[in-house]
Amino acid sequence: MQRARKTVKAAIFDFGGVLAEEGFREGLLAIGKKNGLDPERFRSIADELIHESGYVTGLVNESQYWTALRGKTGVSGSDEELREEILGRFVLRPEMLTIVERLKARGLLLAILSDQTNWLDEINAKTPFFQHFQYIFNSYRIRKSKRELSVFSDVCAAIGISSDEGLFIDDNSDNVQRASNEGLQVLHFRDTESFKKELEQAINVKLLAGRSTLR
């Protein structure tokens, strides 16, 4: 007999690719192309290195990461030039922030759980969005990434909910699977429209005349 899902008390959002355009991936592809490298292979190397180097969990700084990336791939460009390729592509999605505010109005707790670096704070300083959330969990600050299963139970404990009362939203299917393995309810984000429909089902919001109520 299948157990009934618990009522969702908190929605936990990824940042890049969900609340904002995926600036890290798109920026890396642009850097690879500009340097005459296979963009997807360069992206894969740079993405893995941000974890291997410890930059994503705050163990090394940004300059050390760029130095390591130049050494491994041969890309050129100053730290500032490379970071601007990425930061300029993290564009907030207003419709997603509207959804967040609708959830807040319904009494849900709101959190961000992001494998980000010092960039998350800098993006917020330029275009503020932290105020929409009660909790911000940034791998760079908490010294733990979403590759570590325990981060999900840690976040739920910090919020004050059981794992099955949390709804985790991410565009990365591996992260979604890890969160599910830790007992959270999950949604794999693909696009805003399908997300709204899936979200309404997850939090038991009725559709009105076939149209989303989350407008």
N, C-alpha and C. Protein backbone atom coordinates (compact mmCIF):
# COMPACT_ATOMS: atom_id res chain seq x y z
N MET A 1 0.84 -1.20 0.00
CA MET A 1 0.00 0.00 0.00
C MET A 1 0.88 1.25 0.00
N GLN A 2 0.62 2.16 -0.94
CA GLN A 2 1.44 3.36 -1.06
C GLN A 2 1.06 4.38 0.02
N ARG A 3 2.09 4.92 0.67
CA ARG A 3 1.86 5.92 1.72
C ARG A 3 1.46 7.25 1.10
N ALA A 4 0.53 7.92 1.77
CA ALA A 4 0.11 9.24 1.29
C ALA A 4 1.24 10.24 1.48
N ARG A 5 1.39 11.12 0.52
CA ARG A 5 2.42 12.14 0.64
C ARG A 5 2.05 13.13 1.72
N LYS A 6 3.05 13.58 2.45
CA LYS A 6 2.81 14.61 3.46
C LYS A 6 2.57 15.95 2.80
N THR A 7 1.87 16.82 3.50
CA THR A 7 1.64 18.17 3.00
C THR A 7 2.96 18.92 2.93
N VAL A 8 3.19 19.58 1.81
CA VAL A 8 4.42 20.35 1.64
C VAL A 8 4.40 21.58 2.53
N LYS A 9 5.45 21.75 3.34
CA LYS A 9 5.56 22.92 4.21
C LYS A 9 6.62 23.90 3.73
N ALA A 10 7.55 23.41 2.90
CA ALA A 10 8.62 24.28 2.42
C ALA A 10 8.97 23.93 0.99
N ALA A 11 9.20 24.95 0.18
CA ALA A 11 9.67 24.77 -1.20
C ALA A 11 11.12 25.22 -1.26
N ILE A 12 11.98 24.34 -1.76
CA ILE A 12 13.42 24.58 -1.78
C ILE A 12 13.87 24.64 -3.24
N PHE A 13 14.30 25.82 -3.68
CA PHE A 13 14.59 26.08 -5.08
C PHE A 13 16.09 26.09 -5.38
N ASP A 14 16.46 25.48 -6.50
CA ASP A 14 17.77 25.72 -7.09
C ASP A 14 17.77 27.14 -7.66
N PHE A 15 18.95 27.69 -7.89
CA PHE A 15 19.04 29.04 -8.45
C PHE A 15 19.21 29.01 -9.97
N GLY A 16 20.44 28.75 -10.45
CA GLY A 16 20.68 28.77 -11.88
C GLY A 16 19.94 27.66 -12.61
N GLY A 17 19.17 28.03 -13.62
CA GLY A 17 18.38 27.07 -14.37
C GLY A 17 16.96 26.95 -13.87
N VAL A 18 16.66 27.54 -12.72
CA VAL A 18 15.30 27.52 -12.16
C VAL A 18 14.84 28.95 -11.89
N LEU A 19 15.42 29.60 -10.90
CA LEU A 19 15.04 30.98 -10.59
C LEU A 19 15.65 31.98 -11.57
N ALA A 20 16.73 31.57 -12.19
CA ALA A 20 17.43 32.42 -13.17
C ALA A 20 17.89 31.55 -14.33
N GLU A 21 18.25 32.21 -15.42
CA GLU A 21 18.86 31.49 -16.53
C GLU A 21 20.15 30.83 -16.03
N GLU A 22 20.53 29.73 -16.64
CA GLU A 22 21.71 28.99 -16.20
C GLU A 22 22.98 29.66 -16.73
N GLY A 23 23.44 30.67 -16.00
CA GLY A 23 24.58 31.46 -16.44
C GLY A 23 25.89 30.71 -16.44
N PHE A 24 26.06 29.79 -15.50
CA PHE A 24 27.32 29.07 -15.42
C PHE A 24 27.51 28.19 -16.66
N ARG A 25 26.53 27.39 -16.98
CA ARG A 25 26.64 26.51 -18.16
C ARG A 25 26.79 27.32 -19.44
N GLU A 26 25.93 28.32 -19.63
CA GLU A 26 25.98 29.09 -20.87
C GLU A 26 27.25 29.91 -20.98
N GLY A 27 27.73 30.43 -19.85
CA GLY A 27 28.97 31.19 -19.86
C GLY A 27 30.16 30.32 -20.21
N LEU A 28 30.19 29.12 -19.66
CA LEU A 28 31.29 28.20 -19.97
C LEU A 28 31.28 27.81 -21.44
N LEU A 29 30.11 27.56 -21.99
CA LEU A 29 30.04 27.24 -23.41
C LEU A 29 30.59 28.37 -24.26
N ALA A 30 30.27 29.62 -23.87
CA ALA A 30 30.75 30.78 -24.60
C ALA A 30 32.27 30.92 -24.49
N ILE A 31 32.81 30.66 -23.30
CA ILE A 31 34.27 30.74 -23.11
C ILE A 31 34.97 29.68 -23.96
N GLY A 32 34.44 28.47 -23.94
CA GLY A 32 35.03 27.40 -24.74
C GLY A 32 35.04 27.73 -26.22
N LYS A 33 33.90 28.23 -26.70
CA LYS A 33 33.80 28.58 -28.12
C LYS A 33 34.76 29.71 -28.48
N LYS A 34 34.84 30.71 -27.62
CA LYS A 34 35.73 31.86 -27.88
C LYS A 34 37.19 31.44 -27.94
N ASN A 35 37.54 30.38 -27.22
CA ASN A 35 38.92 29.90 -27.18
C ASN A 35 39.19 28.79 -28.18
N GLY A 36 38.25 28.54 -29.07
CA GLY A 36 38.46 27.54 -30.10
C GLY A 36 38.44 26.10 -29.60
N LEU A 37 37.81 25.87 -28.45
CA LEU A 37 37.71 24.53 -27.88
C LEU A 37 36.33 23.95 -28.15
N ASP A 38 36.21 22.65 -28.01
CA ASP A 38 34.88 22.04 -28.08
C ASP A 38 34.08 22.56 -26.89
N PRO A 39 33.03 23.36 -27.13
CA PRO A 39 32.32 24.02 -26.02
C PRO A 39 31.78 23.07 -24.97
N GLU A 40 31.20 21.96 -25.40
CA GLU A 40 30.60 21.04 -24.44
C GLU A 40 31.65 20.30 -23.62
N ARG A 41 32.74 19.94 -24.27
CA ARG A 41 33.82 19.28 -23.52
C ARG A 41 34.45 20.25 -22.51
N PHE A 42 34.67 21.49 -22.95
CA PHE A 42 35.21 22.49 -22.03
C PHE A 42 34.27 22.70 -20.85
N ARG A 43 32.97 22.80 -21.13
CA ARG A 43 31.98 22.99 -20.06
C ARG A 43 32.05 21.86 -19.04
N SER A 44 32.16 20.63 -19.56
CA SER A 44 32.21 19.47 -18.67
C SER A 44 33.45 19.50 -17.78
N ILE A 45 34.59 19.86 -18.36
CA ILE A 45 35.84 19.93 -17.58
C ILE A 45 35.74 21.03 -16.52
N ALA A 46 35.26 22.19 -16.92
CA ALA A 46 35.17 23.33 -16.00
C ALA A 46 34.17 23.06 -14.88
N ASP A 47 33.08 22.38 -15.22
CA ASP A 47 32.06 22.05 -14.22
C ASP A 47 32.61 21.07 -13.20
N GLU A 48 33.35 20.08 -13.67
CA GLU A 48 33.92 19.10 -12.74
C GLU A 48 34.99 19.75 -11.88
N LEU A 49 35.77 20.66 -12.48
CA LEU A 49 36.86 21.29 -11.74
C LEU A 49 36.36 22.19 -10.62
N ILE A 50 35.20 22.78 -10.80
CA ILE A 50 34.69 23.67 -9.75
C ILE A 50 34.39 22.88 -8.48
N HIS A 51 34.10 21.58 -8.67
CA HIS A 51 33.91 20.69 -7.51
C HIS A 51 35.24 20.14 -7.03
N GLU A 52 36.05 19.64 -7.96
CA GLU A 52 37.34 19.05 -7.59
C GLU A 52 38.25 20.04 -6.88
N SER A 53 38.23 21.28 -7.33
CA SER A 53 39.12 22.29 -6.75
C SER A 53 38.68 22.74 -5.36
N GLY A 54 37.40 22.53 -5.06
CA GLY A 54 36.87 22.99 -3.79
C GLY A 54 36.30 24.40 -3.84
N TYR A 55 36.28 25.00 -5.03
CA TYR A 55 35.74 26.36 -5.13
C TYR A 55 34.26 26.40 -4.80
N VAL A 56 33.50 25.41 -5.24
CA VAL A 56 32.06 25.43 -5.02
C VAL A 56 31.71 25.31 -3.54
N THR A 57 32.61 24.77 -2.74
CA THR A 57 32.35 24.66 -1.31
C THR A 57 33.25 25.59 -0.50
N GLY A 58 33.80 26.61 -1.15
CA GLY A 58 34.51 27.66 -0.44
C GLY A 58 35.89 27.28 0.08
N LEU A 59 36.47 26.20 -0.43
CA LEU A 59 37.78 25.78 0.05
C LEU A 59 38.92 26.50 -0.66
N VAL A 60 38.65 27.00 -1.87
CA VAL A 60 39.61 27.87 -2.56
C VAL A 60 38.81 29.08 -3.08
N ASN A 61 39.54 30.13 -3.48
CA ASN A 61 38.85 31.33 -3.94
C ASN A 61 38.70 31.33 -5.46
N GLU A 62 38.05 32.35 -5.96
CA GLU A 62 37.75 32.43 -7.39
C GLU A 62 39.02 32.49 -8.23
N SER A 63 39.98 33.27 -7.81
CA SER A 63 41.22 33.41 -8.58
C SER A 63 41.93 32.06 -8.71
N GLN A 64 41.92 31.28 -7.64
CA GLN A 64 42.55 29.96 -7.68
C GLN A 64 41.83 29.04 -8.67
N TYR A 65 40.52 29.17 -8.73
CA TYR A 65 39.75 28.35 -9.67
C TYR A 65 40.11 28.70 -11.11
N TRP A 66 40.12 30.00 -11.43
CA TRP A 66 40.43 30.39 -12.81
C TRP A 66 41.85 29.98 -13.18
N THR A 67 42.79 30.10 -12.25
CA THR A 67 44.17 29.68 -12.51
C THR A 67 44.22 28.19 -12.83
N ALA A 68 43.50 27.40 -12.04
CA ALA A 68 43.47 25.95 -12.26
C ALA A 68 42.82 25.62 -13.61
N LEU A 69 41.78 26.37 -13.96
CA LEU A 69 41.08 26.10 -15.22
C LEU A 69 41.95 26.46 -16.42
N ARG A 70 42.68 27.56 -16.33
CA ARG A 70 43.61 27.92 -17.41
C ARG A 70 44.68 26.84 -17.58
N GLY A 71 45.19 26.36 -16.44
CA GLY A 71 46.23 25.35 -16.50
C GLY A 71 45.74 24.04 -17.10
N LYS A 72 44.50 23.71 -16.88
CA LYS A 72 43.97 22.43 -17.34
C LYS A 72 43.48 22.49 -18.78
N THR A 73 43.02 23.66 -19.22
CA THR A 73 42.39 23.74 -20.55
C THR A 73 43.10 24.67 -21.53
N GLY A 74 43.94 25.57 -21.01
CA GLY A 74 44.64 26.51 -21.88
C GLY A 74 43.84 27.72 -22.29
N VAL A 75 42.68 27.94 -21.67
CA VAL A 75 41.88 29.13 -22.03
C VAL A 75 42.61 30.39 -21.59
N SER A 76 42.32 31.48 -22.29
CA SER A 76 42.92 32.76 -21.96
C SER A 76 41.84 33.70 -21.43
N GLY A 77 42.31 34.83 -20.92
CA GLY A 77 41.38 35.82 -20.39
C GLY A 77 41.65 36.08 -18.92
N SER A 78 41.47 37.32 -18.51
CA SER A 78 41.65 37.67 -17.10
C SER A 78 40.52 37.10 -16.26
N ASP A 79 40.73 37.09 -14.95
CA ASP A 79 39.66 36.63 -14.06
C ASP A 79 38.38 37.42 -14.32
N GLU A 80 38.52 38.72 -14.47
CA GLU A 80 37.35 39.57 -14.66
C GLU A 80 36.64 39.26 -15.97
N GLU A 81 37.41 39.04 -17.02
CA GLU A 81 36.79 38.73 -18.32
C GLU A 81 36.05 37.39 -18.27
N LEU A 82 36.64 36.41 -17.63
CA LEU A 82 36.03 35.08 -17.55
C LEU A 82 34.76 35.12 -16.70
N ARG A 83 34.83 35.79 -15.56
CA ARG A 83 33.66 35.82 -14.67
C ARG A 83 32.50 36.60 -15.29
N GLU A 84 32.79 37.61 -16.07
CA GLU A 84 31.72 38.38 -16.69
C GLU A 84 30.97 37.56 -17.74
N GLU A 85 31.66 36.63 -18.38
CA GLU A 85 30.99 35.73 -19.33
C GLU A 85 29.90 34.93 -18.61
N ILE A 86 30.12 34.67 -17.34
CA ILE A 86 29.18 33.86 -16.55
C ILE A 86 28.16 34.72 -15.83
N LEU A 87 28.61 35.70 -15.07
CA LEU A 87 27.69 36.49 -14.24
C LEU A 87 26.66 37.24 -15.08
N GLY A 88 27.07 37.71 -16.25
CA GLY A 88 26.14 38.44 -17.10
C GLY A 88 25.02 37.59 -17.66
N ARG A 89 25.18 36.26 -17.56
CA ARG A 89 24.16 35.37 -18.10
C ARG A 89 23.20 34.84 -17.04
N PHE A 90 23.44 35.15 -15.78
CA PHE A 90 22.50 34.78 -14.72
C PHE A 90 21.40 35.84 -14.67
N VAL A 91 20.39 35.68 -15.51
CA VAL A 91 19.28 36.64 -15.58
C VAL A 91 18.09 36.08 -14.81
N LEU A 92 17.63 36.83 -13.81
CA LEU A 92 16.50 36.37 -13.00
C LEU A 92 15.25 36.22 -13.85
N ARG A 93 14.42 35.25 -13.50
CA ARG A 93 13.15 35.01 -14.18
C ARG A 93 12.02 35.59 -13.34
N PRO A 94 11.48 36.75 -13.72
CA PRO A 94 10.44 37.41 -12.92
C PRO A 94 9.24 36.50 -12.65
N GLU A 95 8.86 35.69 -13.61
CA GLU A 95 7.70 34.83 -13.42
C GLU A 95 7.94 33.81 -12.30
N MET A 96 9.17 33.35 -12.17
CA MET A 96 9.48 32.41 -11.09
C MET A 96 9.42 33.10 -9.73
N LEU A 97 9.87 34.35 -9.67
CA LEU A 97 9.79 35.07 -8.40
C LEU A 97 8.34 35.38 -8.04
N THR A 98 7.49 35.57 -9.04
CA THR A 98 6.06 35.74 -8.78
C THR A 98 5.49 34.47 -8.17
N ILE A 99 5.88 33.32 -8.70
CA ILE A 99 5.42 32.04 -8.16
C ILE A 99 5.88 31.89 -6.71
N VAL A 100 7.12 32.27 -6.44
CA VAL A 100 7.65 32.21 -5.08
C VAL A 100 6.79 33.04 -4.13
N GLU A 101 6.43 34.23 -4.55
CA GLU A 101 5.60 35.09 -3.70
C GLU A 101 4.20 34.51 -3.49
N ARG A 102 3.66 33.84 -4.51
CA ARG A 102 2.36 33.19 -4.35
C ARG A 102 2.45 32.05 -3.32
N LEU A 103 3.54 31.33 -3.36
CA LEU A 103 3.73 30.25 -2.39
C LEU A 103 3.88 30.81 -0.97
N LYS A 104 4.59 31.91 -0.86
CA LYS A 104 4.76 32.55 0.44
C LYS A 104 3.41 32.99 1.00
N ALA A 105 2.56 33.52 0.11
CA ALA A 105 1.23 33.96 0.53
C ALA A 105 0.38 32.80 1.03
N ARG A 106 0.68 31.60 0.55
CA ARG A 106 -0.04 30.40 0.98
C ARG A 106 0.54 29.82 2.27
N GLY A 107 1.58 30.46 2.79
CA GLY A 107 2.14 30.04 4.07
C GLY A 107 3.31 29.08 3.98
N LEU A 108 3.79 28.80 2.76
CA LEU A 108 4.95 27.91 2.64
C LEU A 108 6.23 28.65 3.01
N LEU A 109 7.16 27.91 3.57
CA LEU A 109 8.49 28.42 3.80
C LEU A 109 9.26 28.33 2.50
N LEU A 110 10.12 29.31 2.22
CA LEU A 110 10.84 29.37 0.94
C LEU A 110 12.34 29.38 1.20
N ALA A 111 13.05 28.56 0.41
CA ALA A 111 14.50 28.47 0.56
C ALA A 111 15.16 28.34 -0.81
N ILE A 112 16.41 28.76 -0.87
CA ILE A 112 17.28 28.49 -2.01
C ILE A 112 18.34 27.52 -1.55
N LEU A 113 18.56 26.46 -2.33
CA LEU A 113 19.69 25.56 -2.12
C LEU A 113 20.45 25.52 -3.43
N SER A 114 21.62 26.14 -3.45
CA SER A 114 22.35 26.32 -4.71
C SER A 114 23.81 25.93 -4.57
N ASP A 115 24.30 25.19 -5.57
CA ASP A 115 25.74 24.94 -5.66
C ASP A 115 26.36 26.15 -6.34
N GLN A 116 26.48 27.21 -5.58
CA GLN A 116 27.01 28.47 -6.08
C GLN A 116 28.24 28.86 -5.29
N THR A 117 28.85 29.93 -5.71
CA THR A 117 30.06 30.44 -5.05
C THR A 117 29.76 31.84 -4.52
N ASN A 118 30.79 32.63 -4.38
CA ASN A 118 30.61 34.04 -4.00
C ASN A 118 29.75 34.78 -5.03
N TRP A 119 29.58 34.18 -6.21
CA TRP A 119 28.79 34.81 -7.25
C TRP A 119 27.33 35.02 -6.83
N LEU A 120 26.79 34.11 -6.03
CA LEU A 120 25.38 34.24 -5.65
C LEU A 120 25.14 35.54 -4.89
N ASP A 121 26.02 35.85 -3.95
CA ASP A 121 25.90 37.10 -3.19
C ASP A 121 26.07 38.31 -4.10
N GLU A 122 26.97 38.20 -5.07
CA GLU A 122 27.21 39.32 -5.98
C GLU A 122 26.03 39.56 -6.90
N ILE A 123 25.41 38.49 -7.36
CA ILE A 123 24.21 38.63 -8.19
C ILE A 123 23.10 39.27 -7.39
N ASN A 124 22.95 38.85 -6.13
CA ASN A 124 21.92 39.45 -5.28
C ASN A 124 22.18 40.92 -5.01
N ALA A 125 23.45 41.28 -4.87
CA ALA A 125 23.79 42.69 -4.62
C ALA A 125 23.42 43.56 -5.82
N LYS A 126 23.55 43.00 -7.01
CA LYS A 126 23.25 43.76 -8.22
C LYS A 126 21.76 43.78 -8.54
N THR A 127 21.11 42.62 -8.41
CA THR A 127 19.66 42.50 -8.66
C THR A 127 19.06 41.71 -7.50
N PRO A 128 18.68 42.38 -6.43
CA PRO A 128 18.26 41.70 -5.19
C PRO A 128 17.09 40.73 -5.38
N PHE A 129 17.25 39.56 -4.79
CA PHE A 129 16.18 38.56 -4.80
C PHE A 129 16.14 37.76 -3.50
N PHE A 130 17.16 37.87 -2.65
CA PHE A 130 17.18 37.12 -1.40
C PHE A 130 15.94 37.41 -0.55
N GLN A 131 15.38 38.61 -0.67
CA GLN A 131 14.28 39.01 0.19
C GLN A 131 13.02 38.18 -0.04
N HIS A 132 12.96 37.45 -1.13
CA HIS A 132 11.80 36.60 -1.40
C HIS A 132 11.83 35.30 -0.60
N PHE A 133 12.96 35.01 0.04
CA PHE A 133 13.17 33.72 0.69
C PHE A 133 13.52 33.90 2.17
N GLN A 134 13.08 32.94 2.99
CA GLN A 134 13.46 32.97 4.39
C GLN A 134 14.84 32.36 4.63
N TYR A 135 15.26 31.47 3.72
CA TYR A 135 16.51 30.75 3.92
C TYR A 135 17.32 30.73 2.62
N ILE A 136 18.63 30.97 2.75
CA ILE A 136 19.55 30.88 1.62
C ILE A 136 20.65 29.90 2.00
N PHE A 137 20.72 28.79 1.28
CA PHE A 137 21.77 27.79 1.50
C PHE A 137 22.65 27.75 0.26
N ASN A 138 23.83 28.32 0.38
CA ASN A 138 24.78 28.41 -0.73
C ASN A 138 25.96 27.50 -0.41
N SER A 139 26.27 26.57 -1.31
CA SER A 139 27.34 25.61 -1.05
C SER A 139 28.64 26.29 -0.63
N TYR A 140 28.91 27.45 -1.18
CA TYR A 140 30.13 28.19 -0.87
C TYR A 140 30.17 28.61 0.60
N ARG A 141 28.98 28.87 1.17
CA ARG A 141 28.89 29.31 2.56
C ARG A 141 28.73 28.14 3.53
N ILE A 142 27.96 27.12 3.14
CA ILE A 142 27.70 26.01 4.06
C ILE A 142 28.74 24.89 3.94
N ARG A 143 29.68 25.06 2.98
CA ARG A 143 30.80 24.12 2.80
C ARG A 143 30.32 22.71 2.43
N LYS A 144 29.21 22.63 1.72
CA LYS A 144 28.69 21.32 1.31
C LYS A 144 27.87 21.52 0.05
N SER A 145 28.05 20.63 -0.93
CA SER A 145 27.33 20.76 -2.19
C SER A 145 26.21 19.73 -2.27
N LYS A 146 25.42 19.84 -3.33
CA LYS A 146 24.32 18.91 -3.54
C LYS A 146 24.80 17.54 -4.00
N ARG A 147 26.10 17.38 -4.20
CA ARG A 147 26.64 16.05 -4.48
C ARG A 147 26.73 15.21 -3.20
N GLU A 148 26.59 15.86 -2.06
CA GLU A 148 26.61 15.18 -0.77
C GLU A 148 25.18 14.98 -0.29
N LEU A 149 24.76 13.73 -0.17
CA LEU A 149 23.36 13.44 0.16
C LEU A 149 22.91 14.13 1.45
N SER A 150 23.78 14.23 2.41
CA SER A 150 23.38 14.75 3.71
C SER A 150 22.97 16.22 3.67
N VAL A 151 23.33 16.94 2.58
CA VAL A 151 22.97 18.35 2.52
C VAL A 151 21.45 18.52 2.54
N PHE A 152 20.72 17.58 1.99
CA PHE A 152 19.27 17.72 1.92
C PHE A 152 18.62 17.58 3.29
N SER A 153 19.06 16.62 4.07
CA SER A 153 18.51 16.49 5.42
C SER A 153 18.99 17.64 6.31
N ASP A 154 20.22 18.12 6.06
CA ASP A 154 20.72 19.28 6.81
C ASP A 154 19.83 20.50 6.59
N VAL A 155 19.49 20.73 5.33
CA VAL A 155 18.65 21.88 4.98
C VAL A 155 17.27 21.76 5.62
N CYS A 156 16.68 20.58 5.53
CA CYS A 156 15.35 20.39 6.12
C CYS A 156 15.38 20.61 7.63
N ALA A 157 16.43 20.12 8.28
CA ALA A 157 16.56 20.31 9.72
C ALA A 157 16.70 21.79 10.07
N ALA A 158 17.47 22.52 9.26
CA ALA A 158 17.65 23.95 9.51
C ALA A 158 16.34 24.72 9.34
N ILE A 159 15.52 24.28 8.38
CA ILE A 159 14.22 24.93 8.15
C ILE A 159 13.24 24.55 9.26
N GLY A 160 13.40 23.35 9.81
CA GLY A 160 12.51 22.88 10.86
C GLY A 160 11.38 22.01 10.35
N ILE A 161 11.67 21.23 9.29
CA ILE A 161 10.68 20.33 8.72
C ILE A 161 11.28 18.94 8.59
N SER A 162 10.42 17.93 8.45
CA SER A 162 10.92 16.59 8.11
C SER A 162 11.19 16.57 6.61
N SER A 163 12.04 15.66 6.17
CA SER A 163 12.43 15.63 4.76
C SER A 163 11.24 15.52 3.83
N ASP A 164 10.23 14.71 4.21
CA ASP A 164 9.09 14.51 3.33
C ASP A 164 8.10 15.66 3.34
N GLU A 165 8.39 16.70 4.11
CA GLU A 165 7.58 17.92 4.08
C GLU A 165 8.22 18.99 3.20
N GLY A 166 9.38 18.67 2.63
CA GLY A 166 10.08 19.61 1.76
C GLY A 166 9.90 19.24 0.29
N LEU A 167 9.69 20.25 -0.54
CA LEU A 167 9.60 20.07 -1.98
C LEU A 167 10.82 20.71 -2.61
N PHE A 168 11.65 19.89 -3.26
CA PHE A 168 12.91 20.36 -3.85
C PHE A 168 12.74 20.50 -5.35
N ILE A 169 13.14 21.65 -5.89
CA ILE A 169 13.00 21.94 -7.33
C ILE A 169 14.37 22.23 -7.91
N ASP A 170 14.75 21.47 -8.96
CA ASP A 170 16.06 21.65 -9.58
C ASP A 170 15.96 21.24 -11.04
N ASP A 171 16.79 21.84 -11.90
CA ASP A 171 16.82 21.44 -13.31
C ASP A 171 17.82 20.33 -13.57
N ASN A 172 18.60 19.98 -12.56
CA ASN A 172 19.60 18.93 -12.68
C ASN A 172 19.00 17.61 -12.18
N SER A 173 18.86 16.66 -13.09
CA SER A 173 18.18 15.40 -12.73
C SER A 173 18.94 14.61 -11.67
N ASP A 174 20.28 14.73 -11.65
CA ASP A 174 21.05 14.02 -10.62
C ASP A 174 20.74 14.58 -9.23
N ASN A 175 20.65 15.90 -9.13
CA ASN A 175 20.31 16.51 -7.85
C ASN A 175 18.89 16.13 -7.41
N VAL A 176 17.98 16.09 -8.37
CA VAL A 176 16.61 15.70 -8.07
C VAL A 176 16.57 14.28 -7.51
N GLN A 177 17.33 13.39 -8.13
CA GLN A 177 17.36 12.00 -7.67
C GLN A 177 17.96 11.90 -6.27
N ARG A 178 19.03 12.64 -6.01
CA ARG A 178 19.64 12.60 -4.69
C ARG A 178 18.65 13.08 -3.62
N ALA A 179 17.95 14.17 -3.91
CA ALA A 179 16.99 14.70 -2.95
C ALA A 179 15.87 13.69 -2.70
N SER A 180 15.42 13.05 -3.77
CA SER A 180 14.37 12.03 -3.63
C SER A 180 14.86 10.86 -2.78
N ASN A 181 16.11 10.47 -2.98
CA ASN A 181 16.69 9.38 -2.20
C ASN A 181 16.74 9.73 -0.71
N GLU A 182 16.82 11.01 -0.41
CA GLU A 182 16.86 11.46 0.98
C GLU A 182 15.46 11.73 1.55
N GLY A 183 14.43 11.41 0.77
CA GLY A 183 13.07 11.48 1.29
C GLY A 183 12.29 12.73 0.97
N LEU A 184 12.88 13.68 0.21
CA LEU A 184 12.15 14.90 -0.13
C LEU A 184 11.20 14.62 -1.29
N GLN A 185 10.14 15.39 -1.35
CA GLN A 185 9.33 15.43 -2.54
C GLN A 185 10.09 16.29 -3.56
N VAL A 186 9.99 15.95 -4.83
CA VAL A 186 10.84 16.61 -5.82
C VAL A 186 10.07 16.96 -7.08
N LEU A 187 10.57 18.00 -7.76
CA LEU A 187 10.10 18.36 -9.10
C LEU A 187 11.32 18.64 -9.96
N HIS A 188 11.37 18.00 -11.12
CA HIS A 188 12.46 18.25 -12.07
C HIS A 188 12.02 19.39 -12.97
N PHE A 189 12.66 20.54 -12.83
CA PHE A 189 12.29 21.73 -13.59
C PHE A 189 12.77 21.62 -15.03
N ARG A 190 11.84 21.80 -15.97
CA ARG A 190 12.17 21.80 -17.40
C ARG A 190 11.85 23.14 -18.04
N ASP A 191 10.67 23.67 -17.74
CA ASP A 191 10.27 24.99 -18.21
C ASP A 191 9.19 25.51 -17.27
N THR A 192 8.96 26.80 -17.32
CA THR A 192 8.07 27.44 -16.35
C THR A 192 6.64 26.94 -16.44
N GLU A 193 6.11 26.79 -17.63
CA GLU A 193 4.71 26.40 -17.79
C GLU A 193 4.44 25.01 -17.24
N SER A 194 5.26 24.03 -17.62
CA SER A 194 5.05 22.68 -17.10
C SER A 194 5.31 22.64 -15.59
N PHE A 195 6.25 23.45 -15.13
CA PHE A 195 6.53 23.50 -13.70
C PHE A 195 5.32 23.97 -12.92
N LYS A 196 4.63 24.99 -13.40
CA LYS A 196 3.46 25.50 -12.69
C LYS A 196 2.39 24.42 -12.53
N LYS A 197 2.18 23.65 -13.56
CA LYS A 197 1.18 22.58 -13.49
C LYS A 197 1.59 21.51 -12.49
N GLU A 198 2.85 21.11 -12.55
CA GLU A 198 3.34 20.09 -11.62
C GLU A 198 3.34 20.60 -10.19
N LEU A 199 3.65 21.87 -10.02
CA LEU A 199 3.66 22.47 -8.69
C LEU A 199 2.28 22.48 -8.08
N GLU A 200 1.29 22.83 -8.87
CA GLU A 200 -0.08 22.86 -8.37
C GLU A 200 -0.53 21.48 -7.89
N GLN A 201 -0.10 20.46 -8.59
CA GLN A 201 -0.43 19.10 -8.16
C GLN A 201 0.30 18.76 -6.87
N ALA A 202 1.54 19.18 -6.76
CA ALA A 202 2.35 18.84 -5.59
C ALA A 202 1.83 19.49 -4.32
N ILE A 203 1.29 20.72 -4.44
CA ILE A 203 0.81 21.41 -3.25
C ILE A 203 -0.72 21.43 -3.17
N ASN A 204 -1.35 20.62 -4.02
CA ASN A 204 -2.81 20.45 -4.00
C ASN A 204 -3.57 21.74 -4.24
N VAL A 205 -3.11 22.50 -5.23
CA VAL A 205 -3.84 23.69 -5.66
C VAL A 205 -4.70 23.30 -6.85
N LYS A 206 -5.97 23.60 -6.79
CA LYS A 206 -6.87 23.23 -7.88
C LYS A 206 -6.69 24.15 -9.08
N LEU A 207 -6.80 23.59 -10.26
CA LEU A 207 -6.76 24.38 -11.49
C LEU A 207 -8.13 24.98 -11.73
N LEU A 208 -8.13 26.20 -12.22
CA LEU A 208 -9.38 26.89 -12.49
C LEU A 208 -9.63 26.92 -13.98
N ALA A 209 -10.66 26.23 -14.43
CA ALA A 209 -11.05 26.19 -15.85
C ALA A 209 -9.86 25.80 -16.73
N GLY A 210 -9.05 24.86 -16.21
CA GLY A 210 -7.94 24.37 -17.00
C GLY A 210 -6.76 25.29 -17.05
N ARG A 211 -6.81 26.41 -16.32
CA ARG A 211 -5.70 27.37 -16.34
C ARG A 211 -5.02 27.40 -15.00
N SER A 212 -3.75 27.65 -15.04
CA SER A 212 -2.98 27.71 -13.79
C SER A 212 -3.44 28.86 -12.94
N THR A 213 -3.53 28.61 -11.62
CA THR A 213 -3.86 29.68 -10.68
C THR A 213 -2.62 30.45 -10.26
N LEU A 214 -1.46 29.94 -10.63
CA LEU A 214 -0.20 30.60 -10.25
C LEU A 214 0.21 31.55 -11.36
N ARG A 215 -0.39 32.71 -11.37
CA ARG A 215 -0.13 33.72 -12.41
C ARG A 215 0.55 34.94 -11.79
